[in-house]
Amino acid sequence: MKHSARDVFALFGAGALAALALAACASSSTPTPEPEVTASATAEPPPVTTTEPTAAPTTEPTATAAPQPTGRQPSGRPPMTSEGKEKVSGTFGQTPAAKLTITSDNSVFRIPEYALGDGVLITFMVDKKPPKKAKGGSGNVWRLTAQRPPAEETSAVSANEGKFTVRLPIGKAAPANLALGEIGKDDKGKDAIVWKVVAPTKTEDGFATYELTDFGNTLLQITSDPPG
């Protein structure tokens, strides 16, 4: 036996209808699942690069080395002195320096320290009978010789350090250059003299000083000839 909606309403009342309506809603509605919240990885902030202030390049002052002295240091030994009226002679080595004086005319020959090797016999003299005089020469003729014992013959010596000097009386000569005559042998074995002229390095009242780099068997005379 069928009942109409009116009969149902009448039979059960409004409350029944409301319950039926709720049941219908419950059966027809599918609960919507709540969305899952996925924790997304949070990107790390980019590293912050801190630029340190760059110090200005500092140029350190460069120490300048003190100039080194040339040659060997002086030994501190006092010079050797030798005197003779017209001739002075002695054996000299590297040190100390030496001063040879002819007292008759106050001429002086000086040997600087370290100029020589060991054991050189030096003779400085007034040559009374020179084999030859210099062209344009005047006054005395002196002779400088060097020997290396036990050899008796002369041999050339050159200054290893510094220069030899000779201080000679010049009288009234003008100009007062110095003629150097090196005595040697020619092709026939006879004495031959080769001359050269040097200018003074210093002049004073009645005297002049000259520099020599070498000698062996050498004549010296003041001359008016020009250097060359």
Protein backbone atom coordinates (compact mmCIF):
# COMPACT_ATOMS: atom_id res chain seq x y z
CA MET A 1 0.00 0.00 0.00
CA LYS A 2 1.53 3.27 -1.14
CA HIS A 3 1.64 6.40 0.91
CA SER A 4 1.89 9.80 -0.55
CA ALA A 5 4.11 12.46 0.84
CA ARG A 6 1.15 14.00 2.50
CA ASP A 7 0.34 10.72 4.26
CA VAL A 8 3.95 10.41 5.46
CA PHE A 9 3.98 13.95 6.70
CA ALA A 10 0.76 13.32 8.49
CA LEU A 11 1.98 10.06 9.91
CA PHE A 12 5.41 11.01 11.12
CA GLY A 13 5.22 14.68 11.29
CA ALA A 14 7.66 17.35 10.33
CA GLY A 15 10.43 15.88 12.46
CA ALA A 16 10.50 12.70 10.47
CA LEU A 17 10.77 14.60 7.25
CA ALA A 18 13.67 16.61 8.57
CA ALA A 19 15.49 13.41 9.58
CA LEU A 20 14.91 11.92 6.20
CA ALA A 21 16.27 15.00 4.55
CA LEU A 22 19.45 14.85 6.61
CA ALA A 23 19.89 11.18 5.80
CA ALA A 24 19.51 11.88 2.13
CA CYS A 25 22.09 14.61 2.29
CA ALA A 26 24.50 12.36 4.16
CA SER A 27 24.18 9.56 1.65
CA SER A 28 24.56 11.77 -1.42
CA SER A 29 27.40 14.06 -0.27
CA THR A 30 31.00 12.71 -0.45
CA PRO A 31 33.29 14.50 1.96
CA THR A 32 35.96 16.47 0.12
CA PRO A 33 39.39 15.56 1.43
CA GLU A 34 41.28 18.48 2.79
CA PRO A 35 44.24 19.37 0.62
CA GLU A 36 47.55 18.16 1.97
CA VAL A 37 49.87 20.90 2.83
CA THR A 38 53.28 20.00 1.45
CA ALA A 39 56.13 21.85 3.07
CA SER A 40 58.10 23.21 0.19
CA ALA A 41 61.85 23.48 0.73
CA THR A 42 62.72 27.03 1.41
CA ALA A 43 65.61 28.10 -0.79
CA GLU A 44 68.64 29.18 1.20
CA PRO A 45 69.30 32.81 0.70
CA PRO A 46 72.34 33.40 -1.50
CA PRO A 47 75.47 33.89 0.53
CA VAL A 48 76.23 37.48 1.17
CA THR A 49 79.66 38.33 -0.12
CA THR A 50 81.27 40.97 1.92
CA THR A 51 83.98 42.83 0.08
CA GLU A 52 86.69 43.79 2.46
CA PRO A 53 88.27 47.11 1.66
CA THR A 54 91.53 46.46 -0.13
CA ALA A 55 94.42 48.18 1.48
CA ALA A 56 96.41 50.35 -0.84
CA PRO A 57 99.67 48.63 -1.75
CA THR A 58 102.39 49.87 0.46
CA THR A 59 105.79 50.32 -1.11
CA GLU A 60 108.42 49.55 1.41
CA PRO A 61 111.45 51.78 1.09
CA THR A 62 114.29 49.89 -0.51
CA ALA A 63 117.44 50.04 1.50
CA THR A 64 120.30 51.28 -0.65
CA ALA A 65 123.47 49.42 -0.01
CA ALA A 66 126.36 51.61 0.98
CA PRO A 67 128.96 51.84 -1.76
CA GLN A 68 131.68 49.33 -1.20
CA PRO A 69 135.21 50.61 -1.25
CA THR A 70 137.34 49.42 -4.12
CA GLY A 71 140.58 47.62 -3.47
CA ARG A 72 141.77 46.25 -0.16
CA GLN A 73 141.40 48.06 3.11
CA PRO A 74 144.50 49.90 4.39
CA SER A 75 146.57 47.83 6.77
CA GLY A 76 147.10 50.78 9.11
CA ARG A 77 150.85 50.20 9.12
CA PRO A 78 153.02 53.34 8.85
CA PRO A 79 154.93 53.72 5.56
CA MET A 80 158.51 52.53 5.34
CA THR A 81 160.99 55.37 4.80
CA SER A 82 164.41 55.08 3.21
CA GLU A 83 166.88 57.91 2.56
CA GLY A 84 170.14 58.34 0.73
CA LYS A 85 172.23 61.29 -0.42
CA GLU A 86 172.12 60.38 -4.12
CA LYS A 87 170.85 56.82 -4.08
CA VAL A 88 168.31 54.90 -2.02
CA SER A 89 167.43 51.23 -2.37
CA GLY A 90 165.37 48.62 -0.56
CA THR A 91 163.21 45.53 -0.93
CA PHE A 92 159.50 46.21 -0.67
CA GLY A 93 156.35 44.09 -0.72
CA GLN A 94 152.61 44.54 -0.72
CA THR A 95 152.46 46.34 2.60
CA PRO A 96 153.20 48.83 4.04
CA ALA A 97 153.55 51.77 1.66
CA ALA A 98 157.05 53.16 1.17
CA LYS A 99 158.76 56.52 0.70
CA LEU A 100 162.24 56.77 -0.84
CA THR A 101 164.00 60.16 -0.51
CA ILE A 102 167.18 61.47 -2.12
CA THR A 103 168.40 64.08 0.33
CA SER A 104 170.70 65.97 -2.06
CA ASP A 105 167.74 67.43 -3.99
CA ASN A 106 164.72 66.33 -1.89
CA SER A 107 163.32 64.21 -4.69
CA VAL A 108 160.87 61.55 -3.47
CA PHE A 109 159.55 58.31 -4.92
CA ARG A 110 156.46 56.79 -3.28
CA ILE A 111 155.08 53.26 -3.47
CA PRO A 112 151.43 52.89 -2.46
CA GLU A 113 150.30 49.97 -0.35
CA TYR A 114 149.40 46.84 -2.36
CA ALA A 115 150.98 48.26 -5.53
CA LEU A 116 153.75 45.66 -5.57
CA GLY A 117 153.91 41.92 -5.22
CA ASP A 118 156.24 40.35 -2.69
CA GLY A 119 159.96 41.04 -2.60
CA VAL A 120 160.77 43.66 -5.26
CA LEU A 121 164.12 45.44 -4.99
CA ILE A 122 163.60 49.11 -5.88
CA THR A 123 166.42 51.58 -6.52
CA PHE A 124 165.91 55.36 -6.89
CA MET A 125 169.01 57.38 -7.71
CA VAL A 126 170.53 60.40 -9.39
CA ASP A 127 172.16 59.07 -12.57
CA LYS A 128 175.45 60.91 -12.99
CA LYS A 129 176.23 59.27 -16.36
CA PRO A 130 172.92 58.55 -18.08
CA PRO A 131 173.17 56.74 -21.44
CA LYS A 132 171.09 59.51 -22.95
CA LYS A 133 169.21 62.66 -21.95
CA ALA A 134 165.67 63.55 -22.88
CA LYS A 135 164.88 65.88 -25.75
CA GLY A 136 164.20 69.33 -24.28
CA GLY A 137 165.40 68.04 -20.92
CA SER A 138 167.03 70.10 -18.17
CA GLY A 139 168.49 69.48 -14.72
CA ASN A 140 169.24 66.13 -13.14
CA VAL A 141 168.53 62.74 -14.63
CA TRP A 142 167.15 60.16 -12.20
CA ARG A 143 166.84 56.42 -12.63
CA LEU A 144 164.27 53.99 -11.26
CA THR A 145 164.96 50.25 -11.41
CA ALA A 146 163.12 47.14 -10.25
CA GLN A 147 164.59 43.69 -9.68
CA ARG A 148 163.16 40.43 -8.42
CA PRO A 149 165.93 38.65 -6.49
CA PRO A 150 167.78 36.44 -7.02
CA ALA A 151 167.65 37.74 -10.60
CA GLU A 152 170.17 40.51 -11.24
CA GLU A 153 168.58 41.89 -14.38
CA THR A 154 165.87 44.50 -14.13
CA SER A 155 162.23 43.64 -14.79
CA ALA A 156 159.15 45.74 -15.43
CA VAL A 157 156.66 46.20 -12.62
CA SER A 158 153.14 47.59 -12.85
CA ALA A 159 151.10 49.01 -9.98
CA ASN A 160 148.50 46.44 -8.89
CA GLU A 161 146.57 49.09 -6.97
CA GLY A 162 147.00 52.86 -7.05
CA LYS A 163 149.89 54.51 -8.86
CA PHE A 164 153.53 55.19 -8.13
CA THR A 165 154.37 58.87 -7.68
CA VAL A 166 157.59 60.83 -7.97
CA ARG A 167 158.15 64.38 -6.68
CA LEU A 168 161.03 66.13 -8.42
CA PRO A 169 162.63 69.58 -8.32
CA ILE A 170 161.79 71.48 -11.50
CA GLY A 171 163.76 74.72 -11.03
CA LYS A 172 162.47 77.32 -13.46
CA ALA A 173 161.39 74.90 -16.17
CA ALA A 174 158.17 75.88 -17.87
CA PRO A 175 156.32 73.84 -18.78
CA ALA A 176 157.64 71.21 -16.39
CA ASN A 177 156.66 67.89 -17.93
CA LEU A 178 158.44 64.63 -17.19
CA ALA A 179 160.25 62.54 -19.80
CA LEU A 180 160.33 58.81 -19.04
CA GLY A 181 162.93 56.81 -20.93
CA GLU A 182 162.52 53.04 -20.73
CA ILE A 183 165.85 51.30 -21.34
CA GLY A 184 165.64 48.06 -23.25
CA LYS A 185 167.46 46.15 -25.97
CA ASP A 186 167.13 46.51 -29.69
CA ASP A 187 167.30 43.68 -32.25
CA LYS A 188 171.11 43.71 -32.10
CA GLY A 189 171.25 43.48 -28.31
CA LYS A 190 172.28 47.08 -27.81
CA ASP A 191 170.67 49.49 -25.34
CA ALA A 192 167.66 51.29 -26.78
CA ILE A 193 165.58 53.93 -25.03
CA VAL A 194 161.89 54.56 -25.67
CA TRP A 195 160.72 57.96 -24.39
CA LYS A 196 157.32 59.21 -23.42
CA VAL A 197 156.30 62.49 -21.76
CA VAL A 198 153.69 62.97 -19.02
CA ALA A 199 152.23 66.11 -17.46
CA PRO A 200 152.42 66.80 -13.71
CA THR A 201 149.46 65.98 -11.49
CA LYS A 202 150.50 68.63 -8.95
CA THR A 203 152.87 71.58 -8.91
CA GLU A 204 154.20 73.58 -5.98
CA ASP A 205 157.00 76.04 -5.34
CA GLY A 206 160.02 74.55 -7.12
CA PHE A 207 158.59 70.98 -7.31
CA ALA A 208 156.14 68.91 -9.35
CA THR A 209 154.55 65.51 -8.73
CA TYR A 210 154.00 62.92 -11.47
CA GLU A 211 152.20 59.57 -11.60
CA LEU A 212 153.66 56.36 -13.01
CA THR A 213 151.77 53.14 -13.64
CA ASP A 214 154.89 51.08 -14.41
CA PHE A 215 158.68 51.17 -14.66
CA GLY A 216 161.58 48.75 -14.89
CA ASN A 217 164.86 50.40 -15.89
CA THR A 218 163.65 53.91 -16.41
CA LEU A 219 165.29 57.34 -16.82
CA LEU A 220 163.46 60.45 -15.59
CA GLN A 221 164.16 64.05 -16.56
CA ILE A 222 162.19 67.30 -16.54
CA THR A 223 161.44 68.45 -20.10
CA SER A 224 159.70 71.27 -21.91
CA ASP A 225 158.42 68.85 -24.55
CA PRO A 226 154.64 68.36 -24.57
CA PRO A 227 153.04 65.15 -23.22
CA GLY A 228 152.73 62.30 -25.64
